Amino acid sequence: MQYIAGDPRFHNVKKGMRNIVNVWARKEFVNLKRAYSAKVPVPMPIHVKGNVLVMEFIGDDGTPAPTLNTCTVTHKHYLEVLKAVSKLYKAELVHADLSEFNVFLHKDKILLFDFGSAVDIAHPHADQFLTRDISNINRFFSKKGVKVYDLDTTMKKVKKE
């Protein structure tokens, strides 16, 4: 709920589970559209109705693209993720749930997905969420043996690029 309650774009959300689920789908769609418009590598958003969100399929011949957690990754992939996070930040969004499980690797390119938790940078916890996103990415790539930037350097890169 903290991802909706603090987001100024969704300040007038009514209580109730059914309404929250529908708002969550709409929120994910709006976030995905903003990211897509900003040329962040994400699946193309197509439509949302009720609690159903339709977006571009990422994969080949009906098989979904793998997520980073199942792939061999390189420093190039690390830099691509940071560039995507930076573009997202320039679009005034923070993913707020970024990890190796929310990044596809398709045709040697990364695509971010799962934008239900994403928040506007005006959200009171946006910086905290961004720090967590970057920490998650740094932890994952470091564990895979990829050289990563320290957290402060990475935060500065993301906010400036």
N, C-alpha and C. Protein backbone atom coordinates (compact mmCIF):
# COMPACT_ATOMS: atom_id res chain seq x y z
N MET A 1 0.82 -1.20 0.00
CA MET A 1 0.00 0.00 0.00
C MET A 1 0.87 1.26 0.00
N GLN A 2 2.09 1.18 0.57
CA GLN A 2 2.95 2.37 0.62
C GLN A 2 3.31 2.86 -0.77
N TYR A 3 3.26 1.99 -1.76
CA TYR A 3 3.61 2.38 -3.12
C TYR A 3 2.50 3.21 -3.77
N ILE A 4 1.28 3.05 -3.29
CA ILE A 4 0.15 3.83 -3.80
C ILE A 4 -0.08 5.05 -2.92
N ALA A 5 -0.10 4.84 -1.60
CA ALA A 5 -0.45 5.91 -0.66
C ALA A 5 0.44 7.13 -0.79
N GLY A 6 1.73 6.95 -1.01
CA GLY A 6 2.63 8.09 -1.09
C GLY A 6 2.80 8.66 -2.48
N ASP A 7 2.18 8.06 -3.48
CA ASP A 7 2.35 8.51 -4.86
C ASP A 7 1.31 9.59 -5.16
N PRO A 8 1.77 10.81 -5.45
CA PRO A 8 0.82 11.91 -5.68
C PRO A 8 -0.14 11.67 -6.85
N ARG A 9 0.21 10.77 -7.76
CA ARG A 9 -0.67 10.49 -8.90
C ARG A 9 -1.89 9.68 -8.50
N PHE A 10 -1.85 9.07 -7.31
CA PHE A 10 -2.93 8.18 -6.87
C PHE A 10 -3.43 8.57 -5.49
N HIS A 11 -3.49 9.88 -5.23
CA HIS A 11 -3.85 10.37 -3.89
C HIS A 11 -5.32 10.16 -3.53
N ASN A 12 -6.19 9.98 -4.48
CA ASN A 12 -7.62 9.87 -4.19
C ASN A 12 -8.16 8.45 -4.35
N VAL A 13 -7.35 7.46 -4.05
CA VAL A 13 -7.75 6.05 -4.19
C VAL A 13 -8.69 5.66 -3.06
N LYS A 14 -9.81 5.05 -3.45
CA LYS A 14 -10.77 4.57 -2.46
C LYS A 14 -10.28 3.26 -1.85
N LYS A 15 -10.69 3.02 -0.62
CA LYS A 15 -10.32 1.78 0.07
C LYS A 15 -11.11 0.61 -0.52
N GLY A 16 -10.67 -0.60 -0.19
CA GLY A 16 -11.35 -1.80 -0.65
C GLY A 16 -10.46 -2.60 -1.58
N MET A 17 -10.39 -3.91 -1.33
CA MET A 17 -9.47 -4.78 -2.06
C MET A 17 -9.70 -4.76 -3.57
N ARG A 18 -10.96 -4.83 -4.01
CA ARG A 18 -11.24 -4.85 -5.45
C ARG A 18 -10.73 -3.57 -6.10
N ASN A 19 -10.99 -2.45 -5.46
CA ASN A 19 -10.54 -1.17 -6.00
C ASN A 19 -9.02 -1.10 -6.02
N ILE A 20 -8.37 -1.58 -4.97
CA ILE A 20 -6.91 -1.55 -4.90
C ILE A 20 -6.30 -2.38 -6.03
N VAL A 21 -6.85 -3.56 -6.29
CA VAL A 21 -6.33 -4.43 -7.36
C VAL A 21 -6.46 -3.74 -8.72
N ASN A 22 -7.60 -3.10 -8.96
CA ASN A 22 -7.79 -2.39 -10.23
C ASN A 22 -6.85 -1.19 -10.34
N VAL A 23 -6.69 -0.47 -9.24
CA VAL A 23 -5.78 0.69 -9.22
C VAL A 23 -4.35 0.22 -9.45
N TRP A 24 -3.98 -0.91 -8.84
CA TRP A 24 -2.62 -1.44 -9.00
C TRP A 24 -2.33 -1.75 -10.48
N ALA A 25 -3.29 -2.36 -11.18
CA ALA A 25 -3.11 -2.66 -12.61
C ALA A 25 -3.01 -1.36 -13.41
N ARG A 26 -3.87 -0.40 -13.09
CA ARG A 26 -3.82 0.89 -13.79
C ARG A 26 -2.50 1.60 -13.51
N LYS A 27 -2.04 1.53 -12.26
CA LYS A 27 -0.77 2.15 -11.87
C LYS A 27 0.38 1.52 -12.66
N GLU A 28 0.39 0.20 -12.75
CA GLU A 28 1.45 -0.47 -13.51
C GLU A 28 1.41 -0.04 -14.98
N PHE A 29 0.22 0.05 -15.54
CA PHE A 29 0.07 0.45 -16.94
C PHE A 29 0.58 1.88 -17.16
N VAL A 30 0.19 2.80 -16.28
CA VAL A 30 0.62 4.20 -16.39
C VAL A 30 2.15 4.29 -16.26
N ASN A 31 2.71 3.55 -15.31
CA ASN A 31 4.17 3.54 -15.12
C ASN A 31 4.88 2.99 -16.35
N LEU A 32 4.35 1.90 -16.88
CA LEU A 32 4.94 1.27 -18.06
C LEU A 32 4.87 2.21 -19.28
N LYS A 33 3.74 2.89 -19.44
CA LYS A 33 3.60 3.85 -20.54
C LYS A 33 4.61 4.99 -20.42
N ARG A 34 4.78 5.49 -19.20
CA ARG A 34 5.74 6.58 -19.00
C ARG A 34 7.15 6.10 -19.32
N ALA A 35 7.50 4.92 -18.84
CA ALA A 35 8.83 4.36 -19.11
C ALA A 35 9.02 4.13 -20.61
N TYR A 36 8.03 3.55 -21.25
CA TYR A 36 8.11 3.26 -22.69
C TYR A 36 8.27 4.56 -23.49
N SER A 37 7.51 5.58 -23.13
CA SER A 37 7.60 6.88 -23.81
C SER A 37 8.97 7.53 -23.63
N ALA A 38 9.62 7.24 -22.50
CA ALA A 38 10.95 7.79 -22.22
C ALA A 38 12.06 6.93 -22.82
N LYS A 39 11.68 5.94 -23.62
CA LYS A 39 12.65 5.05 -24.28
C LYS A 39 13.44 4.17 -23.31
N VAL A 40 12.84 3.90 -22.15
CA VAL A 40 13.41 2.91 -21.23
C VAL A 40 13.13 1.55 -21.86
N PRO A 41 14.08 0.62 -21.85
CA PRO A 41 13.81 -0.69 -22.43
C PRO A 41 12.83 -1.49 -21.56
N VAL A 42 11.57 -1.48 -22.00
CA VAL A 42 10.47 -2.16 -21.30
C VAL A 42 9.54 -2.76 -22.36
N PRO A 43 8.71 -3.73 -21.98
CA PRO A 43 7.70 -4.22 -22.92
C PRO A 43 6.72 -3.09 -23.27
N MET A 44 6.25 -3.06 -24.50
CA MET A 44 5.29 -2.04 -24.91
C MET A 44 3.95 -2.27 -24.21
N PRO A 45 3.44 -1.26 -23.49
CA PRO A 45 2.13 -1.41 -22.87
C PRO A 45 1.04 -1.33 -23.94
N ILE A 46 0.02 -2.17 -23.82
CA ILE A 46 -1.02 -2.22 -24.84
C ILE A 46 -2.36 -1.74 -24.30
N HIS A 47 -2.80 -2.30 -23.19
CA HIS A 47 -4.13 -1.95 -22.68
C HIS A 47 -4.26 -2.40 -21.22
N VAL A 48 -5.13 -1.72 -20.50
CA VAL A 48 -5.49 -2.16 -19.15
C VAL A 48 -7.00 -2.03 -19.01
N LYS A 49 -7.61 -3.05 -18.41
CA LYS A 49 -9.03 -3.01 -18.11
C LYS A 49 -9.25 -3.78 -16.82
N GLY A 50 -9.84 -3.11 -15.84
CA GLY A 50 -10.02 -3.74 -14.54
C GLY A 50 -8.67 -4.11 -13.96
N ASN A 51 -8.51 -5.38 -13.65
CA ASN A 51 -7.24 -5.84 -13.07
C ASN A 51 -6.35 -6.55 -14.10
N VAL A 52 -6.66 -6.39 -15.39
CA VAL A 52 -5.90 -7.07 -16.44
C VAL A 52 -5.06 -6.05 -17.22
N LEU A 53 -3.76 -6.32 -17.26
CA LEU A 53 -2.82 -5.48 -17.99
C LEU A 53 -2.27 -6.29 -19.17
N VAL A 54 -2.34 -5.72 -20.36
CA VAL A 54 -1.81 -6.38 -21.55
C VAL A 54 -0.59 -5.60 -22.02
N MET A 55 0.50 -6.34 -22.25
CA MET A 55 1.72 -5.72 -22.76
C MET A 55 2.35 -6.64 -23.79
N GLU A 56 3.34 -6.10 -24.48
CA GLU A 56 4.08 -6.86 -25.47
C GLU A 56 4.69 -8.13 -24.86
N PHE A 57 4.64 -9.22 -25.61
CA PHE A 57 5.28 -10.46 -25.19
C PHE A 57 6.77 -10.36 -25.48
N ILE A 58 7.58 -10.69 -24.49
CA ILE A 58 9.04 -10.67 -24.66
C ILE A 58 9.52 -12.12 -24.65
N GLY A 59 9.98 -12.59 -25.79
CA GLY A 59 10.44 -13.97 -25.92
C GLY A 59 10.42 -14.39 -27.37
N ASP A 60 10.56 -15.69 -27.58
CA ASP A 60 10.59 -16.24 -28.93
C ASP A 60 9.71 -17.48 -29.02
N ASP A 61 8.88 -17.52 -30.05
CA ASP A 61 8.05 -18.70 -30.33
C ASP A 61 7.25 -19.16 -29.12
N GLY A 62 6.66 -18.23 -28.39
CA GLY A 62 5.83 -18.56 -27.24
C GLY A 62 6.59 -18.86 -25.96
N THR A 63 7.91 -18.83 -26.01
CA THR A 63 8.72 -19.06 -24.81
C THR A 63 9.19 -17.71 -24.27
N PRO A 64 8.84 -17.41 -23.02
CA PRO A 64 9.25 -16.11 -22.46
C PRO A 64 10.77 -15.98 -22.38
N ALA A 65 11.24 -14.76 -22.53
CA ALA A 65 12.67 -14.47 -22.37
C ALA A 65 13.06 -14.78 -20.93
N PRO A 66 14.29 -15.20 -20.71
CA PRO A 66 14.74 -15.47 -19.34
C PRO A 66 14.96 -14.16 -18.57
N THR A 67 14.89 -14.27 -17.26
CA THR A 67 15.23 -13.14 -16.41
C THR A 67 16.70 -13.26 -16.03
N LEU A 68 17.28 -12.14 -15.60
CA LEU A 68 18.72 -12.13 -15.31
C LEU A 68 19.16 -13.22 -14.35
N ASN A 69 18.31 -13.57 -13.40
CA ASN A 69 18.71 -14.55 -12.38
C ASN A 69 19.08 -15.90 -12.97
N THR A 70 18.67 -16.18 -14.21
CA THR A 70 18.98 -17.48 -14.83
C THR A 70 20.03 -17.36 -15.94
N CYS A 71 20.60 -16.18 -16.10
CA CYS A 71 21.50 -15.92 -17.23
C CYS A 71 22.95 -15.70 -16.81
N THR A 72 23.84 -15.90 -17.76
CA THR A 72 25.22 -15.46 -17.61
C THR A 72 25.22 -13.98 -17.98
N VAL A 73 25.73 -13.17 -17.07
CA VAL A 73 25.69 -11.72 -17.29
C VAL A 73 27.10 -11.14 -17.37
N THR A 74 27.19 -9.98 -18.00
CA THR A 74 28.47 -9.31 -18.20
C THR A 74 28.40 -7.88 -17.68
N HIS A 75 29.55 -7.21 -17.70
CA HIS A 75 29.60 -5.80 -17.31
C HIS A 75 28.72 -4.96 -18.24
N LYS A 76 28.65 -5.34 -19.51
CA LYS A 76 27.79 -4.64 -20.47
C LYS A 76 26.33 -4.67 -20.01
N HIS A 77 25.88 -5.82 -19.53
CA HIS A 77 24.50 -5.93 -19.04
C HIS A 77 24.30 -5.05 -17.80
N TYR A 78 25.30 -5.03 -16.93
CA TYR A 78 25.24 -4.17 -15.73
C TYR A 78 25.06 -2.71 -16.15
N LEU A 79 25.88 -2.27 -17.10
CA LEU A 79 25.79 -0.88 -17.56
C LEU A 79 24.45 -0.59 -18.23
N GLU A 80 23.91 -1.57 -18.96
CA GLU A 80 22.59 -1.40 -19.58
C GLU A 80 21.50 -1.22 -18.53
N VAL A 81 21.58 -2.01 -17.45
CA VAL A 81 20.59 -1.87 -16.38
C VAL A 81 20.70 -0.48 -15.76
N LEU A 82 21.93 -0.04 -15.47
CA LEU A 82 22.11 1.30 -14.88
C LEU A 82 21.59 2.38 -15.81
N LYS A 83 21.84 2.25 -17.10
CA LYS A 83 21.34 3.23 -18.07
C LYS A 83 19.81 3.25 -18.08
N ALA A 84 19.20 2.07 -18.01
CA ALA A 84 17.74 1.98 -17.98
C ALA A 84 17.18 2.64 -16.72
N VAL A 85 17.82 2.39 -15.58
CA VAL A 85 17.38 2.99 -14.31
C VAL A 85 17.53 4.51 -14.38
N SER A 86 18.61 4.97 -15.01
CA SER A 86 18.83 6.40 -15.17
C SER A 86 17.77 7.03 -16.07
N LYS A 87 17.45 6.39 -17.18
CA LYS A 87 16.39 6.88 -18.07
C LYS A 87 15.05 6.93 -17.34
N LEU A 88 14.81 5.90 -16.54
CA LEU A 88 13.58 5.85 -15.75
C LEU A 88 13.53 7.02 -14.78
N TYR A 89 14.66 7.30 -14.13
CA TYR A 89 14.73 8.41 -13.19
C TYR A 89 14.50 9.74 -13.91
N LYS A 90 15.06 9.89 -15.10
CA LYS A 90 14.83 11.11 -15.90
C LYS A 90 13.34 11.25 -16.25
N ALA A 91 12.65 10.13 -16.36
CA ALA A 91 11.21 10.14 -16.62
C ALA A 91 10.43 10.34 -15.32
N GLU A 92 11.17 10.62 -14.25
CA GLU A 92 10.62 10.89 -12.91
C GLU A 92 9.92 9.68 -12.30
N LEU A 93 10.51 8.51 -12.54
CA LEU A 93 10.02 7.27 -11.94
C LEU A 93 11.16 6.51 -11.29
N VAL A 94 10.82 5.79 -10.22
CA VAL A 94 11.72 4.84 -9.57
C VAL A 94 11.00 3.50 -9.59
N HIS A 95 11.68 2.45 -10.03
CA HIS A 95 11.06 1.13 -10.15
C HIS A 95 10.52 0.64 -8.80
N ALA A 96 11.31 0.74 -7.76
CA ALA A 96 10.93 0.42 -6.38
C ALA A 96 10.79 -1.08 -6.07
N ASP A 97 11.09 -1.93 -7.04
CA ASP A 97 11.11 -3.38 -6.80
C ASP A 97 12.10 -4.05 -7.75
N LEU A 98 13.16 -3.33 -8.09
CA LEU A 98 14.08 -3.83 -9.10
C LEU A 98 15.03 -4.88 -8.53
N SER A 99 15.13 -5.97 -9.24
CA SER A 99 16.06 -7.05 -8.90
C SER A 99 16.30 -7.86 -10.16
N GLU A 100 17.13 -8.87 -10.04
CA GLU A 100 17.42 -9.74 -11.18
C GLU A 100 16.20 -10.51 -11.66
N PHE A 101 15.14 -10.53 -10.87
CA PHE A 101 13.91 -11.23 -11.24
C PHE A 101 12.97 -10.36 -12.07
N ASN A 102 13.25 -9.05 -12.15
CA ASN A 102 12.40 -8.11 -12.89
C ASN A 102 13.11 -7.50 -14.09
N VAL A 103 14.09 -8.24 -14.61
CA VAL A 103 14.82 -7.80 -15.80
C VAL A 103 14.93 -8.98 -16.76
N PHE A 104 14.35 -8.81 -17.95
CA PHE A 104 14.51 -9.82 -19.00
C PHE A 104 15.85 -9.62 -19.68
N LEU A 105 16.41 -10.72 -20.19
CA LEU A 105 17.55 -10.65 -21.10
C LEU A 105 17.09 -11.32 -22.39
N HIS A 106 16.89 -10.50 -23.42
CA HIS A 106 16.35 -11.00 -24.68
C HIS A 106 17.22 -10.48 -25.82
N LYS A 107 17.76 -11.41 -26.60
CA LYS A 107 18.64 -11.06 -27.72
C LYS A 107 19.79 -10.18 -27.25
N ASP A 108 20.33 -10.54 -26.10
CA ASP A 108 21.47 -9.88 -25.46
C ASP A 108 21.20 -8.43 -25.06
N LYS A 109 19.93 -8.08 -24.90
CA LYS A 109 19.53 -6.76 -24.42
C LYS A 109 18.65 -6.92 -23.18
N ILE A 110 18.77 -5.97 -22.26
CA ILE A 110 17.94 -6.05 -21.06
C ILE A 110 16.63 -5.29 -21.27
N LEU A 111 15.58 -5.74 -20.59
CA LEU A 111 14.30 -5.03 -20.54
C LEU A 111 13.79 -5.12 -19.11
N LEU A 112 13.43 -3.99 -18.54
CA LEU A 112 12.86 -3.97 -17.20
C LEU A 112 11.37 -4.28 -17.30
N PHE A 113 10.82 -4.91 -16.28
CA PHE A 113 9.38 -5.13 -16.24
C PHE A 113 8.91 -5.16 -14.79
N ASP A 114 7.63 -5.39 -14.58
CA ASP A 114 6.99 -5.43 -13.26
C ASP A 114 7.03 -4.04 -12.61
N PHE A 115 6.22 -3.15 -13.15
CA PHE A 115 6.21 -1.75 -12.72
C PHE A 115 5.09 -1.42 -11.75
N GLY A 116 4.46 -2.42 -11.16
CA GLY A 116 3.37 -2.16 -10.22
C GLY A 116 3.80 -1.37 -9.00
N SER A 117 5.02 -1.55 -8.56
CA SER A 117 5.52 -0.86 -7.37
C SER A 117 6.17 0.48 -7.70
N ALA A 118 6.39 0.78 -8.97
CA ALA A 118 7.11 2.00 -9.35
C ALA A 118 6.39 3.23 -8.81
N VAL A 119 7.21 4.23 -8.43
CA VAL A 119 6.66 5.46 -7.86
C VAL A 119 7.24 6.67 -8.58
N ASP A 120 6.49 7.74 -8.54
CA ASP A 120 6.96 9.04 -9.01
C ASP A 120 8.09 9.50 -8.09
N ILE A 121 9.04 10.27 -8.62
CA ILE A 121 10.15 10.72 -7.78
C ILE A 121 9.68 11.68 -6.69
N ALA A 122 8.44 12.17 -6.76
CA ALA A 122 7.89 13.01 -5.70
C ALA A 122 7.42 12.19 -4.50
N HIS A 123 7.36 10.87 -4.64
CA HIS A 123 6.95 10.00 -3.53
C HIS A 123 7.91 10.20 -2.37
N PRO A 124 7.41 10.24 -1.13
CA PRO A 124 8.29 10.48 0.02
C PRO A 124 9.38 9.43 0.23
N HIS A 125 9.21 8.23 -0.33
CA HIS A 125 10.22 7.17 -0.16
C HIS A 125 10.98 6.88 -1.46
N ALA A 126 10.86 7.75 -2.46
CA ALA A 126 11.48 7.48 -3.76
C ALA A 126 12.98 7.26 -3.66
N ASP A 127 13.69 8.10 -2.90
CA ASP A 127 15.14 7.93 -2.77
C ASP A 127 15.50 6.62 -2.08
N GLN A 128 14.73 6.27 -1.06
CA GLN A 128 14.95 5.01 -0.35
C GLN A 128 14.74 3.83 -1.31
N PHE A 129 13.69 3.89 -2.13
CA PHE A 129 13.41 2.83 -3.09
C PHE A 129 14.51 2.75 -4.15
N LEU A 130 14.99 3.90 -4.62
CA LEU A 130 16.06 3.92 -5.62
C LEU A 130 17.34 3.31 -5.05
N THR A 131 17.65 3.65 -3.81
CA THR A 131 18.83 3.07 -3.15
C THR A 131 18.70 1.56 -3.07
N ARG A 132 17.52 1.08 -2.72
CA ARG A 132 17.30 -0.37 -2.63
C ARG A 132 17.42 -1.02 -4.01
N ASP A 133 16.83 -0.39 -5.03
CA ASP A 133 16.93 -0.93 -6.40
C ASP A 133 18.38 -1.09 -6.81
N ILE A 134 19.17 -0.04 -6.62
CA ILE A 134 20.57 -0.07 -7.03
C ILE A 134 21.36 -1.07 -6.18
N SER A 135 21.08 -1.13 -4.90
CA SER A 135 21.75 -2.11 -4.03
C SER A 135 21.46 -3.53 -4.50
N ASN A 136 20.20 -3.80 -4.86
CA ASN A 136 19.83 -5.13 -5.37
C ASN A 136 20.59 -5.47 -6.64
N ILE A 137 20.66 -4.52 -7.56
CA ILE A 137 21.36 -4.76 -8.83
C ILE A 137 22.86 -4.94 -8.58
N ASN A 138 23.45 -4.09 -7.76
CA ASN A 138 24.88 -4.22 -7.44
C ASN A 138 25.18 -5.56 -6.77
N ARG A 139 24.33 -5.96 -5.84
CA ARG A 139 24.52 -7.24 -5.15
C ARG A 139 24.49 -8.39 -6.13
N PHE A 140 23.49 -8.39 -7.02
CA PHE A 140 23.35 -9.47 -7.98
C PHE A 140 24.56 -9.56 -8.91
N PHE A 141 24.91 -8.45 -9.54
CA PHE A 141 26.03 -8.48 -10.50
C PHE A 141 27.35 -8.81 -9.80
N SER A 142 27.54 -8.28 -8.62
CA SER A 142 28.76 -8.57 -7.86
C SER A 142 28.86 -10.07 -7.55
N LYS A 143 27.73 -10.65 -7.15
CA LYS A 143 27.68 -12.09 -6.85
C LYS A 143 28.02 -12.92 -8.09
N LYS A 144 27.70 -12.39 -9.27
CA LYS A 144 27.99 -13.09 -10.53
C LYS A 144 29.41 -12.81 -11.02
N GLY A 145 30.20 -12.07 -10.22
CA GLY A 145 31.59 -11.80 -10.58
C GLY A 145 31.80 -10.59 -11.47
N VAL A 146 30.76 -9.79 -11.63
CA VAL A 146 30.86 -8.58 -12.46
C VAL A 146 31.28 -7.42 -11.56
N LYS A 147 32.25 -6.65 -12.02
CA LYS A 147 32.71 -5.49 -11.26
C LYS A 147 31.61 -4.43 -11.27
N VAL A 148 31.26 -3.94 -10.07
CA VAL A 148 30.20 -2.93 -9.95
C VAL A 148 30.76 -1.67 -9.30
N TYR A 149 30.07 -0.57 -9.50
CA TYR A 149 30.43 0.69 -8.85
C TYR A 149 29.94 0.65 -7.41
N ASP A 150 30.58 1.45 -6.54
CA ASP A 150 30.06 1.54 -5.17
C ASP A 150 28.71 2.26 -5.22
N LEU A 151 27.95 2.14 -4.15
CA LEU A 151 26.58 2.65 -4.12
C LEU A 151 26.52 4.15 -4.39
N ASP A 152 27.39 4.94 -3.74
CA ASP A 152 27.35 6.39 -3.94
C ASP A 152 27.63 6.77 -5.39
N THR A 153 28.64 6.16 -5.98
CA THR A 153 28.98 6.44 -7.38
C THR A 153 27.81 6.07 -8.29
N THR A 154 27.22 4.92 -8.02
CA THR A 154 26.11 4.45 -8.85
C THR A 154 24.92 5.40 -8.74
N MET A 155 24.60 5.82 -7.52
CA MET A 155 23.48 6.76 -7.33
C MET A 155 23.73 8.05 -8.12
N LYS A 156 24.94 8.56 -8.05
CA LYS A 156 25.27 9.80 -8.78
C LYS A 156 25.14 9.58 -10.28
N LYS A 157 25.64 8.45 -10.78
CA LYS A 157 25.54 8.14 -12.21
C LYS A 157 24.08 8.07 -12.65
N VAL A 158 23.27 7.38 -11.88
CA VAL A 158 21.87 7.20 -12.23
C VAL A 158 21.14 8.54 -12.26
N LYS A 159 21.42 9.39 -11.30
CA LYS A 159 20.71 10.66 -11.21
C LYS A 159 21.21 11.70 -12.21
N LYS A 160 22.42 11.51 -12.76
CA LYS A 160 22.98 12.49 -13.69
C LYS A 160 22.87 12.10 -15.15
N GLU A 161 23.04 10.83 -15.46
CA GLU A 161 23.14 10.38 -16.87
C GLU A 161 21.97 10.83 -17.72
